[in-house]
Amino acid sequence: NAFEETAESPLGGAGSFLKVDPQVETEMIADVAKWRSSRSEEAVSTALQDLRDAASGEENIMPHTIAAAKAGVTTGE
């Protein structure tokens, strides 16, 4: 390999990873759960199924991704 030297990684060192306060994490989890309980589960299910159908074929998934976001679908879903 001709490239044996590298620049120092910005990911190294003491500040390389964000450590979230456990209380903040607990609050955020509760906020997401509350938010999820207030959205339309039917709209979320429909949007996810439409996105799955588009992704399994040749269809452009962008309109379905936008519709899913508008329905309240989260990245993890």
Protein backbone atom coordinates (compact mmCIF):
# COMPACT_ATOMS: atom_id res chain seq x y z
CA ASN A 1 0.00 0.00 0.00
CA ALA A 2 1.49 3.34 -1.07
CA PHE A 3 -0.47 5.26 1.59
CA GLU A 4 1.12 4.20 4.84
CA GLU A 5 0.69 7.45 6.77
CA THR A 6 -2.64 8.90 7.83
CA ALA A 7 -3.86 12.04 9.49
CA GLU A 8 -4.79 11.84 13.14
CA SER A 9 -8.40 10.76 13.53
CA PRO A 10 -10.80 13.37 14.94
CA LEU A 11 -12.62 10.46 16.60
CA GLY A 12 -9.81 9.77 19.06
CA GLY A 13 -9.21 11.31 22.44
CA ALA A 14 -11.22 11.96 25.56
CA GLY A 15 -14.03 13.88 23.86
CA SER A 16 -14.55 11.41 21.05
CA PHE A 17 -17.84 9.97 22.28
CA LEU A 18 -20.86 11.80 23.59
CA LYS A 19 -22.00 10.50 26.95
CA VAL A 20 -25.64 11.29 27.57
CA ASP A 21 -26.77 11.90 31.12
CA PRO A 22 -28.94 8.90 32.16
CA GLN A 23 -31.70 11.24 33.37
CA VAL A 24 -31.79 12.99 29.99
CA GLU A 25 -31.90 9.61 28.25
CA THR A 26 -34.84 8.52 30.40
CA GLU A 27 -36.69 11.77 29.67
CA MET A 28 -36.11 11.44 25.92
CA ILE A 29 -37.34 7.84 25.90
CA ALA A 30 -40.50 8.95 27.73
CA ASP A 31 -40.99 11.84 25.29
CA VAL A 32 -40.73 9.52 22.27
CA ALA A 33 -43.15 7.03 23.85
CA LYS A 34 -45.65 9.83 24.56
CA TRP A 35 -45.27 11.18 21.03
CA ARG A 36 -45.73 7.71 19.49
CA SER A 37 -48.90 7.15 21.52
CA SER A 38 -50.40 10.35 20.10
CA ARG A 39 -49.90 9.52 16.41
CA SER A 40 -52.26 7.55 14.19
CA GLU A 41 -51.15 3.90 14.24
CA GLU A 42 -53.21 3.26 11.11
CA ALA A 43 -51.39 6.02 9.22
CA VAL A 44 -48.02 4.73 10.44
CA SER A 45 -48.81 1.13 9.44
CA THR A 46 -50.07 2.19 6.02
CA ALA A 47 -47.05 4.42 5.39
CA LEU A 48 -44.63 1.68 6.42
CA GLN A 49 -46.34 -0.91 4.23
CA ASP A 50 -46.36 1.48 1.25
CA LEU A 51 -42.64 2.12 1.81
CA ARG A 52 -41.90 -1.62 2.04
CA ASP A 53 -43.85 -2.27 -1.16
CA ALA A 54 -42.01 0.50 -3.02
CA ALA A 55 -38.61 -0.65 -1.72
CA SER A 56 -39.20 -4.23 -2.80
CA GLY A 57 -39.92 -3.16 -6.37
CA GLU A 58 -38.63 -0.66 -8.88
CA GLU A 59 -40.63 2.30 -7.58
CA ASN A 60 -39.05 5.54 -6.34
CA ILE A 61 -39.11 5.35 -2.55
CA MET A 62 -38.68 9.07 -1.89
CA PRO A 63 -42.41 9.98 -1.97
CA HIS A 64 -43.13 7.06 0.37
CA THR A 65 -40.30 8.07 2.69
CA ILE A 66 -41.71 11.59 2.91
CA ALA A 67 -45.22 10.24 3.51
CA ALA A 68 -43.85 8.00 6.27
CA ALA A 69 -42.15 10.95 7.96
CA LYS A 70 -45.37 12.98 7.77
CA ALA A 71 -47.27 10.06 9.33
CA GLY A 72 -44.80 10.08 12.23
CA VAL A 73 -42.73 7.03 11.34
CA THR A 74 -39.40 7.04 13.16
CA THR A 75 -36.01 6.10 11.71
CA GLY A 76 -35.89 3.00 13.89
CA GLU A 77 -39.14 1.71 12.44
